[in-house]
Amino acid sequence: MININIVSITSRTISIEIENDECFYTKNKVNIFLNGDKLGVVDTNVFTIKNLTPDSDYVVWIEDCITKERSGKISVRTNAESAVVNVRDFGAKGDGEWLDTSAIQAAIFACPENGRVFFPEGRYLTLPIFLKSNITLELGKGAVLLGAKKRELYPILPGLIKSNREGKDYYLGSWEGEAVDSFASIVTGIDVENVSVIGEGTIDGNSDFDTWWHEAKIKKIAWRPKTIFLNKCKNILVEGITIKNSPSWTIHPLMCENLKFINLDIKNPKDAPNTDGLDPESCKNVLILGTRFSVGDDCIAIKSGKFCTTEKFPVPSEEIHIRNCLMEYGHGAVVIGSEMSGGVKKVYVEKCIFNMTDRGIRLKTRRGRGGVIDEIYVSTIKMNKVLTPFTINSFYNCDADGKTEYVWSKQKLPVDHRTPYIGSIHLRDIKCTDAQIAAGFMYGLPERKVENVTMEDIYVHFDTNAKLGYAEMLSFAEPMCRNGFYFNNIRKLRLKNVVLENELIEPFVKLNIDNIDTL
């Protein structure tokens, strides 16, 4: 029997995950049945049933289209809702030209607790809108929330709001791990809880190289907005929608808890600067499930702030679960860092596909960041045309301070509170085809080596037409092509059934390893 699990319920939707050993896609297509009627066919392990009636009972099951094997029937009741508020009734035009911000904001603030704000088909040009607790936003089919281009009209979130209580400053605006003035985002949530953003529509950041992506590293009035920014929020669901053309990071939760990102389609151009897909920063209990990424930077980057920020706000990221996702393009598929001074631990990545990303599993940090990375578990992954499938870089050189001798020196330096720690990394059941640059590049600090790397049932096949490139971003790196695994400064390295094919040089370079267990 096929097993299925309910992963989210709203007043209008049910999301379901199929239990199997496949990555993202099902082995065969499956039929979906709802209350005895065939609803449709899917080929992914995660799907969302939409346009349901609130406060109603449903029975769901699936059937394999080839084998005819069925799942058990699951009974589920959609959530009740107090009211439906249509943004058109508040004056929103949805013509893509009239600025609909005030009408949308009025609808949100007027919506009663446990109500739903609905966007019918249309293009709703808007400046940033702000969420409130205990509501649902639904973007109907054909509805587009379209970001306005003129930055001078955007409100600014100050990096810090001074408190009258000593040591209790309020961290508000954020840019790359620092508390600095930033523009509010298209959808902004601050200290809200129990919010769902669902539907079949799109949030379009409306960015291009004439606006937000032009001179992206220069601060103009304030730092660029995200598409969705959540600060100190709890119990948030973002489900089913498409998000594209983000001004910078697409979804950025900061110091939030209990988040679900399910069945999303996140897409930015490959050359759009800093357009990460989803960057949970200093967050706890995060589920990223069934989501497609095609972006201009890292697909998922787990962060916890830079050192100067975490001295005041030392909040780690922990219990991050990533399953059944598809990553295409981007600098890294699942990345930790480089802003990780608050620590990152208990990360679980399972049953994902990485296509044509620069790197697959990527850890990046450096001296001056401090912080702890530990308990990272990655299993059942398929990679295709990933330039370098596995990297751990303790000498990450991005930005001016990353080019200093303190960062790039390979000498053993004194250990202090600025020295990062990388603990246990577990990699299992991973198949990589048509790799390009290196199978893996893992380089710890000489004064604080990577504690433990375990690799089991790993297969890396190289593309014979691969070109030279750089496995990681660190000073004085040499280009590589079809290199094997490079391991340096690791305390315990365990390799079991790690196989390479078509490599040009020796498959394993092992330097400064204290304990090696090869099976």
Protein backbone atom coordinates (compact mmCIF):
# COMPACT_ATOMS: atom_id res chain seq x y z
CA MET A 1 0.00 0.00 0.00
CA ILE A 2 1.15 3.54 -0.76
CA ASN A 3 1.42 5.79 2.27
CA ILE A 4 0.44 9.45 2.13
CA ASN A 5 0.62 12.17 4.78
CA ILE A 6 -1.19 15.46 5.21
CA VAL A 7 1.43 18.20 5.57
CA SER A 8 -0.78 21.30 5.68
CA ILE A 9 -4.45 22.25 5.92
CA THR A 10 -6.05 25.65 5.36
CA SER A 11 -9.64 26.70 4.77
CA ARG A 12 -9.15 26.24 1.02
CA THR A 13 -6.28 23.76 0.53
CA ILE A 14 -4.81 20.45 1.58
CA SER A 15 -1.17 19.58 0.83
CA ILE A 16 -0.10 15.94 0.72
CA GLU A 17 3.26 14.15 0.65
CA ILE A 18 3.67 10.63 -0.74
CA GLU A 19 6.03 8.37 1.20
CA ASN A 20 8.51 6.61 -1.10
CA ASP A 21 12.22 6.41 -1.90
CA GLU A 22 12.03 8.65 -4.97
CA CYS A 23 13.44 12.18 -5.30
CA PHE A 24 10.83 14.88 -5.96
CA TYR A 25 9.06 12.94 -8.75
CA THR A 26 7.00 9.79 -8.33
CA LYS A 27 8.14 6.64 -10.11
CA ASN A 28 4.82 6.52 -11.98
CA LYS A 29 2.09 9.11 -12.31
CA VAL A 30 -0.65 8.89 -9.71
CA ASN A 31 -4.37 9.57 -9.79
CA ILE A 32 -5.81 11.77 -7.04
CA PHE A 33 -9.25 10.97 -5.68
CA LEU A 34 -11.32 13.37 -3.61
CA ASN A 35 -14.57 12.15 -2.04
CA GLY A 36 -14.67 9.27 -4.51
CA ASP A 37 -14.16 11.37 -7.64
CA LYS A 38 -10.99 11.43 -9.71
CA LEU A 39 -9.57 14.92 -9.29
CA GLY A 40 -6.49 14.77 -11.50
CA VAL A 41 -3.06 13.28 -12.12
CA VAL A 42 0.30 14.29 -10.61
CA ASP A 43 3.90 13.10 -10.99
CA THR A 44 5.44 14.71 -7.89
CA ASN A 45 5.73 13.46 -4.32
CA VAL A 46 4.13 16.64 -2.97
CA PHE A 47 0.91 18.15 -4.30
CA THR A 48 -1.74 20.61 -3.18
CA ILE A 49 -5.48 20.21 -3.61
CA LYS A 50 -6.95 23.68 -4.03
CA ASN A 51 -10.28 25.52 -4.22
CA LEU A 52 -11.89 23.55 -1.41
CA THR A 53 -14.80 24.67 0.76
CA PRO A 54 -13.98 25.92 4.28
CA ASP A 55 -15.04 23.88 7.29
CA SER A 56 -15.85 20.82 5.19
CA ASP A 57 -15.01 17.11 5.35
CA TYR A 58 -13.03 15.42 2.60
CA VAL A 59 -11.67 11.93 1.95
CA VAL A 60 -8.44 11.73 -0.08
CA TRP A 61 -6.53 8.82 -1.59
CA ILE A 62 -4.22 8.16 -4.55
CA GLU A 63 -3.70 5.38 -7.08
CA ASP A 64 -0.58 4.46 -9.05
CA CYS A 65 -1.50 4.85 -12.74
CA ILE A 66 0.59 1.79 -13.76
CA THR A 67 0.42 -0.68 -10.90
CA LYS A 68 -3.05 0.43 -9.72
CA GLU A 69 -1.78 0.22 -6.15
CA ARG A 70 -3.76 2.51 -3.86
CA SER A 71 -3.07 4.41 -0.70
CA GLY A 72 -5.26 4.26 2.33
CA LYS A 73 -8.05 6.79 2.58
CA ILE A 74 -7.37 9.85 4.71
CA SER A 75 -10.22 11.88 6.19
CA VAL A 76 -9.55 15.57 6.65
CA ARG A 77 -11.58 18.67 7.47
CA THR A 78 -10.63 22.06 6.08
CA ASN A 79 -10.27 24.95 8.49
CA ALA A 80 -13.19 27.20 9.27
CA GLU A 81 -12.99 30.86 8.29
CA SER A 82 -14.87 33.84 9.58
CA ALA A 83 -15.21 35.86 6.37
CA VAL A 84 -13.91 36.41 2.84
CA VAL A 85 -12.62 39.88 2.02
CA ASN A 86 -12.22 40.68 -1.69
CA VAL A 87 -9.59 43.33 -2.42
CA ARG A 88 -11.72 44.59 -5.32
CA ASP A 89 -14.42 45.61 -2.86
CA PHE A 90 -11.88 47.93 -1.22
CA GLY A 91 -11.04 49.69 -4.47
CA ALA A 92 -8.22 47.58 -5.90
CA LYS A 93 -8.35 47.76 -9.71
CA GLY A 94 -5.98 44.95 -10.66
CA ASP A 95 -5.16 46.57 -14.01
CA GLY A 96 -1.36 46.62 -13.55
CA GLU A 97 -1.25 50.42 -13.78
CA TRP A 98 -3.19 51.83 -10.83
CA LEU A 99 -1.31 51.60 -7.53
CA ASP A 100 -3.45 49.25 -5.43
CA THR A 101 -1.44 49.38 -2.19
CA SER A 102 -3.89 51.34 -0.05
CA ALA A 103 -6.85 49.20 -1.13
CA ILE A 104 -4.96 45.97 -0.42
CA GLN A 105 -3.73 47.23 2.95
CA ALA A 106 -7.25 48.32 3.89
CA ALA A 107 -8.57 44.86 3.03
CA ILE A 108 -5.90 43.20 5.17
CA PHE A 109 -6.52 45.42 8.20
CA ALA A 110 -10.30 45.16 7.85
CA CYS A 111 -10.24 41.38 7.55
CA PRO A 112 -11.63 39.79 10.74
CA GLU A 113 -9.64 37.22 12.68
CA ASN A 114 -9.47 33.88 10.84
CA GLY A 115 -10.73 35.53 7.67
CA ARG A 116 -9.38 35.31 4.12
CA VAL A 117 -8.22 38.19 1.92
CA PHE A 118 -8.87 37.16 -1.68
CA PHE A 119 -7.26 38.45 -4.88
CA PRO A 120 -9.29 37.53 -7.99
CA GLU A 121 -7.66 37.42 -11.42
CA GLY A 122 -5.80 40.63 -12.25
CA ARG A 123 -2.44 42.39 -11.96
CA TYR A 124 -2.25 44.31 -8.67
CA LEU A 125 0.53 46.88 -8.82
CA THR A 126 1.67 47.58 -5.30
CA LEU A 127 4.26 48.96 -2.96
CA PRO A 128 5.04 46.84 0.13
CA ILE A 129 2.03 45.46 2.00
CA PHE A 130 2.12 44.45 5.67
CA LEU A 131 0.53 41.33 7.10
CA LYS A 132 -1.39 40.97 10.33
CA SER A 133 -1.96 37.90 12.49
CA ASN A 134 -4.63 35.23 12.07
CA ILE A 135 -5.53 35.73 8.42
CA THR A 136 -5.10 33.97 5.07
CA LEU A 137 -4.08 35.70 1.84
CA GLU A 138 -5.24 33.82 -1.25
CA LEU A 139 -4.00 34.71 -4.72
CA GLY A 140 -6.61 33.28 -7.07
CA LYS A 141 -5.79 31.78 -10.45
CA GLY A 142 -4.46 34.52 -12.71
CA ALA A 143 -3.88 36.94 -9.82
CA VAL A 144 -0.48 38.67 -9.82
CA LEU A 145 0.81 40.82 -6.98
CA LEU A 146 3.18 43.08 -8.93
CA GLY A 147 5.90 45.06 -7.20
CA ALA A 148 6.21 48.74 -8.07
CA LYS A 149 9.56 49.76 -9.53
CA LYS A 150 10.17 53.21 -8.04
CA ARG A 151 12.32 52.76 -4.95
CA GLU A 152 11.73 56.30 -3.71
CA LEU A 153 8.15 55.28 -2.86
CA TYR A 154 9.14 52.27 -0.77
CA PRO A 155 9.03 52.54 3.04
CA ILE A 156 12.30 51.89 4.86
CA LEU A 157 12.77 49.45 7.73
CA PRO A 158 15.49 50.88 10.03
CA GLY A 159 18.11 48.31 10.97
CA LEU A 160 17.61 48.92 14.69
CA ILE A 161 14.92 50.68 16.66
CA LYS A 162 16.36 51.94 19.93
CA SER A 163 14.64 50.74 23.05
CA ASN A 164 14.26 52.60 26.32
CA ARG A 165 15.31 49.37 28.02
CA GLU A 166 19.06 48.78 27.95
CA GLY A 167 20.10 45.95 25.67
CA LYS A 168 16.61 45.55 24.21
CA ASP A 169 17.01 47.25 20.84
CA TYR A 170 14.62 45.98 18.19
CA TYR A 171 16.23 44.32 15.13
CA LEU A 172 14.10 45.28 12.14
CA GLY A 173 15.81 45.92 8.78
CA SER A 174 18.31 43.34 7.55
CA TRP A 175 20.82 42.99 4.73
CA GLU A 176 23.16 40.00 4.41
CA GLY A 177 23.28 39.25 8.11
CA GLU A 178 23.52 42.81 9.43
CA ALA A 179 20.98 45.11 11.08
CA VAL A 180 20.93 47.94 8.54
CA ASP A 181 18.32 50.10 6.83
CA SER A 182 16.51 48.13 4.13
CA PHE A 183 13.44 48.72 2.05
CA ALA A 184 10.29 46.94 3.16
CA SER A 185 9.49 43.93 0.99
CA ILE A 186 6.56 43.33 -1.35
CA VAL A 187 5.00 41.17 1.37
CA THR A 188 6.26 42.07 4.86
CA GLY A 189 5.35 40.36 8.12
CA ILE A 190 6.61 41.73 11.44
CA ASP A 191 5.72 40.00 14.69
CA VAL A 192 2.72 38.25 13.17
CA GLU A 193 1.53 34.69 13.68
CA ASN A 194 -0.92 32.19 12.22
CA VAL A 195 -0.75 33.53 8.66
CA SER A 196 -1.15 31.59 5.41
CA VAL A 197 -0.28 32.86 1.93
CA ILE A 198 -1.80 30.42 -0.54
CA GLY A 199 -3.33 30.05 -3.97
CA GLU A 200 -2.64 29.58 -7.66
CA GLY A 201 -1.39 33.10 -8.34
CA THR A 202 1.97 34.85 -8.48
CA ILE A 203 4.01 37.37 -6.54
CA ASP A 204 6.16 39.14 -9.12
CA GLY A 205 8.91 41.36 -7.74
CA ASN A 206 8.96 43.04 -11.16
CA SER A 207 12.72 43.53 -11.04
CA ASP A 208 15.09 43.95 -13.97
CA PHE A 209 18.55 45.29 -14.78
CA ASP A 210 17.23 48.82 -15.12
CA THR A 211 15.85 48.88 -11.59
CA TRP A 212 16.69 46.71 -8.56
CA TRP A 213 19.39 44.60 -10.25
CA HIS A 214 21.31 47.63 -11.56
CA GLU A 215 24.46 48.32 -9.48
CA ALA A 216 23.20 45.74 -7.02
CA LYS A 217 26.08 46.10 -4.55
CA ILE A 218 25.58 49.84 -4.11
CA LYS A 219 23.22 51.06 -1.39
CA LYS A 220 20.74 53.50 -2.84
CA ILE A 221 18.71 55.18 -0.09
CA ALA A 222 18.45 51.78 1.62
CA TRP A 223 19.32 48.18 0.74
CA ARG A 224 17.18 46.28 -1.73
CA PRO A 225 13.93 44.67 -0.57
CA LYS A 226 13.10 40.98 -0.67
CA THR A 227 9.90 39.67 -2.16
CA ILE A 228 8.71 38.16 1.15
CA PHE A 229 10.30 39.26 4.45
CA LEU A 230 9.21 37.79 7.79
CA ASN A 231 10.64 39.15 11.04
CA LYS A 232 9.94 37.43 14.40
CA CYS A 233 6.92 35.61 13.03
CA LYS A 234 5.38 32.30 14.13
CA ASN A 235 3.22 29.66 12.47
CA ILE A 236 3.49 30.84 8.88
CA LEU A 237 2.52 28.85 5.76
CA VAL A 238 3.41 29.87 2.19
CA GLU A 239 1.92 27.36 -0.21
CA GLY A 240 1.24 26.75 -3.87
CA ILE A 241 2.09 30.15 -5.36
CA THR A 242 4.74 31.24 -7.86
CA ILE A 243 7.30 33.86 -6.79
CA LYS A 244 9.59 35.44 -9.37
CA ASN A 245 11.82 38.39 -10.36
CA SER A 246 12.80 39.19 -6.79
CA PRO A 247 14.72 42.43 -6.07
CA SER A 248 17.15 40.42 -3.90
CA TRP A 249 16.58 37.32 -1.74
CA THR A 250 13.17 35.93 -2.64
CA ILE A 251 11.95 34.72 0.76
CA HIS A 252 13.79 35.82 3.90
CA PRO A 253 12.49 34.72 7.31
CA LEU A 254 14.47 36.28 10.18
CA MET A 255 14.22 35.01 13.78
CA CYS A 256 10.99 33.14 13.05
CA GLU A 257 9.55 29.85 14.30
CA ASN A 258 7.32 27.14 12.86
CA LEU A 259 7.40 27.90 9.16
CA LYS A 260 6.18 25.85 6.20
CA PHE A 261 7.05 26.54 2.57
CA ILE A 262 5.20 23.99 0.48
CA ASN A 263 4.83 23.37 -3.24
CA LEU A 264 6.18 26.74 -4.35
CA ASP A 265 7.72 27.71 -7.69
CA ILE A 266 10.55 30.20 -7.11
CA LYS A 267 12.25 31.53 -10.23
CA ASN A 268 14.65 34.36 -10.97
CA PRO A 269 16.98 34.80 -13.97
CA LYS A 270 20.29 32.94 -13.73
CA ASP A 271 22.24 36.23 -13.87
CA ALA A 272 20.06 38.22 -11.44
CA PRO A 273 22.36 39.26 -8.56
CA ASN A 274 21.79 37.99 -4.99
CA THR A 275 18.41 36.51 -5.87
CA ASP A 276 18.59 33.55 -3.48
CA GLY A 277 15.45 31.45 -3.34
CA LEU A 278 14.78 30.93 0.37
CA ASP A 279 17.09 32.04 3.19
CA PRO A 280 15.93 31.13 6.70
CA GLU A 281 18.08 33.17 9.09
CA SER A 282 18.13 32.45 12.82
CA CYS A 283 14.93 30.42 12.45
CA LYS A 284 13.64 27.32 14.22
CA ASN A 285 11.40 24.52 12.93
CA VAL A 286 11.33 25.21 9.21
CA LEU A 287 9.88 22.84 6.58
CA ILE A 288 10.75 23.41 2.91
CA LEU A 289 8.82 20.84 0.92
CA GLY A 290 8.00 20.10 -2.70
CA THR A 291 9.40 23.43 -3.93
CA ARG A 292 11.06 24.20 -7.27
CA PHE A 293 13.97 26.64 -7.42
CA SER A 294 15.63 28.28 -10.42
CA VAL A 295 17.50 31.37 -9.25
CA GLY A 296 20.45 33.70 -9.71
CA ASP A 297 22.26 32.79 -6.47
CA ASP A 298 21.84 30.06 -3.84
CA CYS A 299 18.58 28.11 -3.99
CA ILE A 300 18.38 27.61 -0.22
CA ALA A 301 20.87 29.34 2.08
CA ILE A 302 20.56 28.70 5.81
CA LYS A 303 21.99 31.59 7.82
CA SER A 304 22.22 33.06 11.32
CA GLY A 305 23.74 36.52 10.92
CA LYS A 306 27.18 38.08 10.90
CA PHE A 307 29.34 38.29 14.01
CA CYS A 308 28.57 41.93 14.87
CA THR A 309 24.82 41.23 14.78
CA THR A 310 24.87 37.98 16.73
CA GLU A 311 26.75 39.61 19.61
CA LYS A 312 23.44 41.35 20.36
CA PHE A 313 21.04 38.81 18.84
CA PRO A 314 22.59 35.32 19.22
CA VAL A 315 19.86 33.20 17.63
CA PRO A 316 20.80 29.97 15.79
CA SER A 317 19.02 28.32 12.91
CA GLU A 318 17.93 24.81 13.90
CA GLU A 319 15.57 22.02 12.93
CA ILE A 320 15.53 22.86 9.23
CA HIS A 321 13.88 20.13 7.11
CA ILE A 322 14.23 20.16 3.31
CA ARG A 323 12.50 17.38 1.36
CA ASN A 324 11.35 16.57 -2.13
CA CYS A 325 12.62 19.81 -3.66
CA LEU A 326 13.98 20.49 -7.15
CA MET A 327 16.87 22.94 -7.52
CA GLU A 328 17.89 24.12 -10.99
CA TYR A 329 20.65 26.64 -11.65
CA GLY A 330 21.94 28.85 -8.85
CA HIS A 331 25.32 29.05 -7.14
CA GLY A 332 24.45 26.34 -4.63
CA ALA A 333 21.52 23.99 -4.10
CA VAL A 334 21.48 23.72 -0.29
CA VAL A 335 23.94 26.08 1.36
CA ILE A 336 24.89 26.88 4.94
CA GLY A 337 26.43 30.32 5.45
CA SER A 338 28.31 32.33 4.91
CA GLU A 339 26.55 34.48 7.53
CA MET A 340 26.27 31.81 10.27
CA SER A 341 27.72 33.43 13.38
CA GLY A 342 24.67 32.51 15.48
CA GLY A 343 25.10 28.85 14.58
CA VAL A 344 23.31 26.33 12.35
CA LYS A 345 22.43 22.86 13.60
CA LYS A 346 20.09 19.96 12.93
CA VAL A 347 19.60 20.35 9.19
CA TYR A 348 17.99 17.49 7.28
CA VAL A 349 18.03 17.36 3.47
CA GLU A 350 16.28 14.41 1.81
CA LYS A 351 14.96 13.21 -1.53
CA CYS A 352 15.91 16.25 -3.61
CA ILE A 353 17.15 16.77 -7.17
CA PHE A 354 19.92 19.27 -7.97
CA ASN A 355 20.24 20.18 -11.67
CA MET A 356 22.98 22.42 -13.08
CA THR A 357 23.79 24.28 -9.88
CA ASP A 358 27.38 25.42 -9.37
CA ARG A 359 27.57 23.42 -6.15
CA GLY A 360 25.32 20.88 -4.49
CA ILE A 361 25.77 20.73 -0.72
CA ARG A 362 27.79 23.77 0.24
CA LEU A 363 29.12 25.01 3.61
CA LYS A 364 30.88 28.37 3.56
CA THR A 365 32.37 30.35 6.42
CA ARG A 366 35.63 31.99 7.48
CA ARG A 367 37.60 33.37 10.38
CA GLY A 368 35.81 36.33 11.90
CA ARG A 369 32.41 34.67 11.67
CA GLY A 370 32.56 32.47 14.77
CA GLY A 371 29.50 30.26 15.22
CA VAL A 372 28.87 26.52 15.09
CA ILE A 373 27.71 24.34 12.19
CA ASP A 374 26.74 20.87 13.41
CA GLU A 375 24.45 17.90 12.85
CA ILE A 376 23.97 18.20 9.10
CA TYR A 377 22.30 15.18 7.50
CA VAL A 378 21.92 14.77 3.72
CA SER A 379 20.50 11.62 2.12
CA THR A 380 18.87 10.30 -1.06
CA ILE A 381 19.90 13.05 -3.47
CA LYS A 382 20.28 13.06 -7.25
CA MET A 383 22.59 15.61 -8.84
CA ASN A 384 23.03 16.25 -12.55
CA LYS A 385 25.58 18.59 -14.15
CA VAL A 386 26.48 20.10 -10.78
CA LEU A 387 29.92 21.65 -11.18
CA THR A 388 31.18 20.55 -7.73
CA PRO A 389 28.73 18.39 -5.76
CA PHE A 390 30.19 18.78 -2.24
CA THR A 391 32.07 21.71 -0.70
CA ILE A 392 33.14 22.86 2.75
CA ASN A 393 35.02 26.16 2.52
CA SER A 394 36.47 27.66 5.70
CA PHE A 395 38.23 30.45 3.75
CA TYR A 396 35.24 32.01 1.96
CA ASN A 397 36.49 35.27 0.46
CA CYS A 398 33.40 37.19 -0.61
CA ASP A 399 33.37 40.94 0.23
CA ALA A 400 36.34 43.14 1.09
CA ASP A 401 36.94 41.69 4.56
CA GLY A 402 37.16 38.23 3.01
CA LYS A 403 40.31 39.17 1.12
CA THR A 404 42.42 39.81 4.24
CA GLU A 405 45.37 37.67 5.31
CA TYR A 406 43.46 36.80 8.50
CA VAL A 407 40.93 35.02 6.30
CA TRP A 408 43.16 33.49 3.62
CA SER A 409 46.14 32.41 5.71
CA LYS A 410 46.66 28.64 5.77
CA GLN A 411 48.81 28.93 8.90
CA LYS A 412 47.48 27.78 12.25
CA LEU A 413 46.19 30.92 13.96
CA PRO A 414 45.03 31.34 17.57
CA VAL A 415 41.54 30.05 18.31
CA ASP A 416 39.17 32.63 19.78
CA HIS A 417 35.50 33.58 19.74
CA ARG A 418 35.80 34.57 16.07
CA THR A 419 36.90 31.08 14.97
CA PRO A 420 34.05 29.08 13.39
CA TYR A 421 33.44 25.44 14.31
CA ILE A 422 32.21 22.80 11.85
CA GLY A 423 31.05 19.63 13.59
CA SER A 424 29.44 16.52 12.08
CA ILE A 425 28.45 16.29 8.42
CA HIS A 426 26.71 13.11 7.21
CA LEU A 427 26.25 12.44 3.48
CA ARG A 428 24.54 9.23 2.32
CA ASP A 429 22.97 7.70 -0.80
CA ILE A 430 23.86 10.45 -3.27
CA LYS A 431 24.29 9.98 -7.02
CA CYS A 432 25.99 12.66 -9.12
CA THR A 433 26.14 12.48 -12.92
CA ASP A 434 28.10 14.72 -15.32
CA ALA A 435 30.01 16.59 -12.61
CA GLN A 436 32.46 19.15 -13.97
CA ILE A 437 35.10 20.67 -11.72
CA ALA A 438 35.66 18.41 -8.70
CA ALA A 439 33.80 15.66 -6.88
CA GLY A 440 34.28 17.49 -3.62
CA PHE A 441 36.33 20.25 -2.02
CA MET A 442 36.45 20.23 1.78
CA TYR A 443 39.00 22.52 3.43
CA GLY A 444 38.85 23.15 7.17
CA LEU A 445 40.88 25.57 9.26
CA PRO A 446 44.24 24.28 10.49
CA GLU A 447 43.59 25.59 14.02
CA ARG A 448 40.06 24.16 14.19
CA LYS A 449 39.59 21.29 11.80
CA VAL A 450 36.24 20.06 10.54
CA GLU A 451 35.26 17.60 13.26
CA ASN A 452 33.64 14.75 11.34
CA VAL A 453 32.71 14.03 7.71
CA THR A 454 30.94 10.76 6.90
CA MET A 455 30.25 9.81 3.29
CA GLU A 456 28.43 6.58 2.48
CA ASP A 457 27.14 5.22 -0.84
CA ILE A 458 28.31 8.18 -2.92
CA TYR A 459 28.72 7.99 -6.70
CA VAL A 460 30.25 10.78 -8.79
CA HIS A 461 30.46 10.52 -12.58
CA PHE A 462 32.29 13.22 -14.55
CA ASP A 463 31.30 14.75 -17.88
CA THR A 464 34.18 14.03 -20.28
CA ASN A 465 33.56 17.42 -21.93
CA ALA A 466 33.93 19.33 -18.65
CA LYS A 467 35.71 22.70 -18.62
CA LEU A 468 38.09 24.28 -16.09
CA GLY A 469 36.55 26.13 -13.18
CA TYR A 470 36.88 26.93 -9.49
CA ALA A 471 35.53 24.49 -6.93
CA GLU A 472 35.08 27.22 -4.30
CA MET A 473 35.52 30.92 -3.63
CA LEU A 474 38.76 31.36 -1.70
CA SER A 475 41.86 33.42 -2.34
CA PHE A 476 44.66 31.93 -4.47
CA ALA A 477 42.55 28.95 -5.55
CA GLU A 478 43.67 27.03 -8.62
CA PRO A 479 41.21 26.05 -11.36
CA MET A 480 40.26 22.38 -11.60
CA CYS A 481 38.67 20.05 -14.10
CA ARG A 482 37.39 16.55 -13.29
CA ASN A 483 39.29 16.48 -10.01
CA GLY A 484 38.38 13.94 -7.36
CA PHE A 485 37.80 14.68 -3.68
CA TYR A 486 40.09 17.16 -1.94
CA PHE A 487 40.06 16.78 1.86
CA ASN A 488 42.18 19.02 4.09
CA ASN A 489 42.08 19.70 7.86
CA ILE A 490 39.50 17.17 8.99
CA ARG A 491 39.67 15.31 12.31
CA LYS A 492 37.67 12.22 11.35
CA LEU A 493 36.91 11.21 7.78
CA ARG A 494 34.82 8.12 7.07
CA LEU A 495 34.37 6.93 3.49
CA LYS A 496 32.21 3.90 2.67
CA ASN A 497 31.44 2.90 -0.90
CA VAL A 498 32.48 6.24 -2.41
CA VAL A 499 32.97 5.70 -6.15
CA LEU A 500 34.23 8.04 -8.88
CA GLU A 501 34.14 7.62 -12.65
CA ASN A 502 36.02 9.55 -15.38
CA GLU A 503 38.15 11.60 -12.98
CA LEU A 504 41.38 12.99 -14.46
CA ILE A 505 43.60 12.82 -11.38
CA GLU A 506 43.78 10.64 -8.29
CA PRO A 507 40.29 10.22 -6.80
CA PHE A 508 41.16 11.23 -3.22
CA VAL A 509 43.59 13.83 -1.90
CA LYS A 510 43.75 13.57 1.90
CA LEU A 511 45.82 16.13 3.79
CA ASN A 512 46.01 16.76 7.55
CA ILE A 513 43.38 14.14 8.41
CA ASP A 514 43.65 12.85 11.98
CA ASN A 515 41.56 9.70 11.57
CA ILE A 516 40.59 8.05 8.28
CA ASP A 517 38.14 5.16 8.02
CA THR A 518 37.84 3.88 4.45
CA LEU A 519 35.61 0.92 3.59
